[in-house]
Protein backbone atom coordinates (compact mmCIF):
# COMPACT_ATOMS: atom_id res chain seq x y z
CA UNK A 1 51.88 46.78 110.02
CA UNK A 2 51.83 49.55 107.04
CA UNK A 3 49.77 52.09 108.75
CA UNK A 4 50.62 55.89 107.40
CA UNK A 5 51.37 58.53 109.87
CA UNK A 6 49.06 60.14 110.40
CA UNK A 7 46.00 59.40 108.72
CA UNK A 8 45.47 55.96 108.51
CA UNK A 9 47.02 55.96 111.85
CA UNK A 10 44.61 58.60 113.28
CA UNK A 11 41.44 56.82 112.12
CA UNK A 12 42.93 53.56 113.57
CA UNK A 13 42.82 55.66 116.94
CA UNK A 14 46.58 56.50 116.78
CA UNK A 15 47.55 59.58 118.64
CA UNK A 16 51.12 59.34 119.19
CA UNK A 17 53.57 58.18 116.19
CA UNK A 18 55.69 56.01 118.90
CA UNK A 19 52.13 54.28 119.83
CA UNK A 20 52.54 52.71 116.32
CA UNK A 21 56.11 51.03 116.73
CA UNK A 22 54.41 49.49 119.92
CA UNK A 23 53.93 45.58 118.27
CA UNK A 24 51.17 44.71 119.63
CA UNK A 25 49.48 47.45 119.08
CA UNK A 26 50.29 48.02 115.75
CA UNK A 27 49.68 44.23 114.51
CA UNK A 28 46.05 44.68 116.43
CA UNK A 29 45.61 48.50 114.12
CA UNK A 30 47.15 46.17 111.17
CA UNK A 31 44.81 43.49 111.07
CA UNK A 32 41.59 45.51 112.08
CA UNK A 33 42.12 47.64 108.53
CA UNK A 34 42.71 44.78 106.68
CA UNK A 35 38.89 42.98 108.19
CA UNK A 36 37.82 47.16 107.55
CA UNK A 37 39.13 46.92 103.60
CA UNK A 38 37.40 43.42 103.47
CA UNK A 39 34.37 44.83 104.98
CA UNK A 40 34.66 47.50 102.66
CA UNK A 41 35.03 45.97 99.15
CA UNK A 42 32.35 43.51 100.62
CA UNK A 43 34.84 40.24 100.70
CA UNK A 44 36.81 40.74 97.29
CA UNK A 45 40.42 39.66 98.61
CA UNK A 46 42.19 41.01 96.00
CA UNK A 47 40.14 44.68 96.06
CA UNK A 48 40.66 45.07 100.50
CA UNK A 49 45.05 43.53 99.51
CA UNK A 50 45.00 46.75 96.91
CA UNK A 51 43.16 48.92 98.78
CA UNK A 52 45.45 48.23 102.43
CA UNK A 53 48.58 49.05 100.24
CA UNK A 54 47.44 52.23 97.92
CA UNK A 55 44.67 53.09 99.98
CA UNK A 56 40.74 52.87 100.06
CA UNK A 57 40.28 55.81 98.14
CA UNK A 58 42.21 55.04 95.27
CA UNK A 59 40.54 51.72 94.63
CA UNK A 60 37.11 52.48 93.41
CA UNK A 61 34.48 49.52 94.95
CA UNK A 62 33.13 48.83 91.43
CA UNK A 63 36.97 47.64 90.27
CA UNK A 64 35.74 44.37 88.58
CA UNK A 65 39.45 43.93 86.65
CA UNK A 66 42.82 44.60 86.96
CA UNK A 67 43.46 47.53 84.58
CA UNK A 68 40.83 49.39 86.58
CA UNK A 69 43.02 49.10 89.67
CA UNK A 70 46.97 50.80 89.36
CA UNK A 71 49.44 48.34 88.11
CA UNK A 72 51.62 49.00 91.69
CA UNK A 73 48.15 48.03 94.09
CA UNK A 74 47.53 44.94 91.49
CA UNK A 75 50.86 43.77 92.03
CA UNK A 76 50.92 44.30 95.44
CA UNK A 77 47.27 42.26 95.99
CA UNK A 78 48.87 39.40 93.92
CA UNK A 79 51.81 39.11 95.76
CA UNK A 80 49.90 38.23 98.72
CA UNK A 81 47.93 36.25 97.28
CA UNK A 82 50.46 33.75 95.86
CA UNK A 83 52.48 34.13 99.47
CA UNK A 84 49.11 33.36 101.01
CA UNK A 85 48.52 30.47 98.78
CA UNK A 86 51.85 29.08 99.64
CA UNK A 87 51.34 29.55 103.70
CA UNK A 88 47.72 27.64 103.35
CA UNK A 89 49.00 24.97 101.06
CA UNK A 90 48.64 26.38 98.07
CA UNK A 91 46.37 23.35 96.41
CA UNK A 92 46.70 25.52 92.83
CA UNK A 93 49.80 26.13 92.94
CA UNK A 94 52.06 23.57 90.97
CA UNK A 95 54.44 21.06 92.80
CA UNK A 96 52.59 21.59 96.17
CA UNK A 97 49.72 18.97 96.42
CA UNK A 98 48.15 20.57 98.93
CA UNK A 99 50.73 20.66 101.21
CA UNK A 100 52.46 23.59 103.02
CA UNK A 101 56.15 24.22 101.21
CA UNK A 102 59.18 23.36 103.19
CA UNK A 103 61.05 26.33 104.91
CA UNK A 104 63.59 27.43 102.43
CA UNK A 105 66.95 24.97 102.36
CA UNK A 106 69.99 26.90 100.82
CA UNK A 107 70.99 25.61 97.51
CA UNK A 108 67.20 24.33 97.10
CA UNK A 109 66.47 27.03 93.80
CA UNK A 110 68.18 27.68 90.26
CA UNK A 111 67.27 31.20 88.36
CA UNK A 112 64.74 30.98 85.34
CA UNK A 113 64.39 34.06 84.44
CA UNK A 114 64.98 37.77 85.61
CA UNK A 115 62.53 40.62 85.22
CA UNK A 116 62.30 44.12 86.48
CA UNK A 117 58.60 44.00 85.74
CA UNK A 118 57.04 41.63 89.18
CA UNK A 119 54.08 41.61 86.27
CA UNK A 120 55.74 40.03 83.85
CA UNK A 121 57.04 37.88 85.89
CA UNK A 122 53.73 36.66 87.05
CA UNK A 123 52.98 36.09 83.31
CA UNK A 124 55.80 34.11 82.82
CA UNK A 125 54.88 31.87 85.92
CA UNK A 126 51.66 31.53 84.17
CA UNK A 127 52.58 30.54 81.01
CA UNK A 128 54.83 27.75 83.21
CA UNK A 129 52.22 26.53 85.21
CA UNK A 130 49.96 26.21 82.14
CA UNK A 131 52.86 23.79 79.66
CA UNK A 132 54.60 22.41 82.59
CA UNK A 133 52.34 21.78 85.51
CA UNK A 134 54.29 19.80 87.27
CA UNK A 135 57.45 21.68 87.97
CA UNK A 136 57.46 23.77 91.23
CA UNK A 137 58.23 27.52 90.33
CA UNK A 138 58.65 30.49 92.84
CA UNK A 139 59.33 33.74 92.62
CA UNK A 140 61.20 36.74 94.58
CA UNK A 141 62.02 40.31 94.88
CA UNK A 142 65.22 41.31 95.92
CA UNK A 143 66.20 45.49 97.11
CA UNK A 144 67.29 45.94 94.10
CA UNK A 145 63.42 45.58 92.53
CA UNK A 146 64.21 42.64 90.35
CA UNK A 147 61.89 40.30 90.11
CA UNK A 148 63.19 36.29 90.51
CA UNK A 149 61.42 33.57 88.84
CA UNK A 150 63.64 29.95 90.14
CA UNK A 151 62.98 26.59 89.85
CA UNK A 152 62.88 24.69 93.14
CA UNK A 153 64.03 21.14 93.85
CA UNK A 154 64.52 18.34 96.75
CA UNK A 155 66.63 16.68 95.05
CA UNK A 156 69.86 16.72 91.89
CA UNK A 157 67.92 14.24 89.97
CA UNK A 158 64.83 16.02 90.42
CA UNK A 159 67.20 18.63 88.98
CA UNK A 160 68.10 17.44 86.13
CA UNK A 161 64.44 15.83 85.15
CA UNK A 162 63.48 19.41 85.83
CA UNK A 163 65.57 21.16 83.77
CA UNK A 164 65.19 18.14 80.81
CA UNK A 165 61.42 19.87 80.37
CA UNK A 166 62.45 23.52 80.27
CA UNK A 167 65.15 23.03 78.24
CA UNK A 168 63.03 21.37 75.66
CA UNK A 169 60.25 24.75 75.71
CA UNK A 170 63.88 26.84 75.30
CA UNK A 171 64.72 27.57 78.53
CA UNK A 172 68.42 27.33 79.89
CA UNK A 173 68.87 27.52 82.80
CA UNK A 174 71.88 28.13 84.58
CA UNK A 175 71.79 24.98 86.81
CA UNK A 176 75.93 26.12 88.83
CA UNK A 177 74.45 29.28 90.30
CA UNK A 178 71.90 28.77 93.23
CA UNK A 179 70.15 30.76 95.50
CA UNK A 180 71.48 30.19 99.23
């Protein structure tokens, strides 16, 4: 868990920095901290995740809209929510049908677009979810700060069909380039 030393760590009962490196103590403290944030923000997971990342002093309890939340905290909360939905079955995500996604398989993703701003990647994906809800698209970040939006497929036949749908919207992914 990302527990800041010394402030948050001391609030959670840590007296020595080395205790943060004990996995059991760290995870238990992180779970307590996220519970504190959920309680503080009256069950609002978006605000709780933003505060977990940015600090509760920087996220107002009365924040009702994304502009009131700093961009980085807003992105983090969206990132956590996106991956939580995938883990829980993501019935609101295209191509998931309420089932958990299979583990990563090499070669089953082709790039659609790349962004340096993750919020733009999210808006790009929202566009495709609206226009082509049958597409299974996902995104990931690299250590270089790039956010890649990818088309996920399970067979070459599905890839060909999905690329045809993308082409109709003016997008031409390089199907020779695959993420492994």
